[in-house]
């Protein structure tokens, strides 16, 4: 069921050109690896042109696994 809903939403987004070319995650034929490769190519072009480049890497892979979801949902309920 979830897969069918996801497919319908994705089809709608594609049909109406609502997904930017820069989107890699959760799109067919693209992944974190393709994102990294495109980023690397762009950085290489900038460096080759003689311009300086600064890069900051952030890793959110496990960030949300560390939240106590029950406590957070209770706080949001109180905020409403």
Protein backbone atom coordinates (compact mmCIF):
# COMPACT_ATOMS: atom_id res chain seq x y z
CA UNK A 1 0.00 0.00 0.00
CA UNK A 2 2.74 2.50 0.98
CA UNK A 3 4.62 1.69 -2.22
CA UNK A 4 1.56 2.42 -4.33
CA UNK A 5 1.01 5.78 -2.62
CA UNK A 6 4.67 6.69 -3.03
CA UNK A 7 4.54 5.77 -6.73
CA UNK A 8 1.44 7.92 -7.28
CA UNK A 9 2.96 10.91 -5.51
CA UNK A 10 6.22 10.54 -7.42
CA UNK A 11 4.35 10.24 -10.74
CA UNK A 12 2.46 13.46 -9.96
CA UNK A 13 5.68 15.29 -9.06
CA UNK A 14 7.38 14.15 -12.27
CA UNK A 15 4.36 14.90 -14.47
CA UNK A 16 4.21 18.50 -13.23
CA UNK A 17 8.01 19.01 -13.22
CA UNK A 18 8.08 19.59 -9.46
CA UNK A 19 11.34 17.71 -8.84
CA UNK A 20 14.50 19.75 -9.36
CA UNK A 21 17.42 18.27 -11.28
CA UNK A 22 19.49 18.67 -8.12
CA UNK A 23 17.29 16.15 -6.26
CA UNK A 24 19.09 12.83 -5.87
CA UNK A 25 17.64 11.02 -2.88
CA UNK A 26 14.45 9.04 -3.41
CA UNK A 27 14.49 9.45 -7.20
CA UNK A 28 14.88 6.71 -9.80
CA UNK A 29 18.39 6.41 -11.21
CA UNK A 30 19.88 8.79 -8.66
CA UNK A 31 21.39 8.24 -5.27
CA UNK A 32 23.79 9.66 -2.72
CA UNK A 33 26.58 8.40 -4.98
CA UNK A 34 25.33 10.30 -8.04
CA UNK A 35 24.96 13.40 -5.85
CA UNK A 36 28.54 13.03 -4.63
CA UNK A 37 29.86 12.54 -8.17
CA UNK A 38 28.09 15.65 -9.50
CA UNK A 39 29.30 17.65 -6.50
CA UNK A 40 32.87 16.44 -7.05
CA UNK A 41 32.72 17.41 -10.74
CA UNK A 42 31.48 20.91 -9.87
CA UNK A 43 34.15 21.44 -7.20
CA UNK A 44 36.82 20.25 -9.64
CA UNK A 45 35.61 22.77 -12.27
CA UNK A 46 35.74 25.61 -9.74
CA UNK A 47 39.23 24.67 -8.54
CA UNK A 48 40.47 24.29 -12.12
CA UNK A 49 39.23 27.83 -12.83
CA UNK A 50 41.46 29.09 -10.02
CA UNK A 51 38.71 30.03 -7.58
CA UNK A 52 38.89 29.06 -3.89
CA UNK A 53 36.46 26.48 -2.51
CA UNK A 54 35.34 25.77 1.05
CA UNK A 55 33.46 22.57 1.84
CA UNK A 56 31.70 21.56 5.05
CA UNK A 57 30.59 17.94 5.44
CA UNK A 58 27.72 17.08 7.78
CA UNK A 59 26.64 13.53 8.56
CA UNK A 60 22.99 13.22 9.57
CA UNK A 61 22.79 9.48 8.93
CA UNK A 62 22.02 8.53 12.52
CA UNK A 63 20.94 11.92 13.84
CA UNK A 64 17.25 11.10 14.15
CA UNK A 65 17.89 7.61 15.56
CA UNK A 66 19.11 9.28 18.75
CA UNK A 67 15.87 11.19 19.50
CA UNK A 68 13.45 9.95 22.10
CA UNK A 69 10.40 10.17 19.82
CA UNK A 70 7.80 9.85 22.58
CA UNK A 71 9.28 12.79 24.48
CA UNK A 72 9.49 14.91 21.35
CA UNK A 73 5.89 14.19 20.33
CA UNK A 74 4.75 15.12 23.86
CA UNK A 75 6.59 18.45 23.58
CA UNK A 76 4.98 19.23 20.24
CA UNK A 77 1.57 18.42 21.72
CA UNK A 78 2.22 20.86 24.58
CA UNK A 79 3.33 23.56 22.10
CA UNK A 80 0.05 23.36 20.16
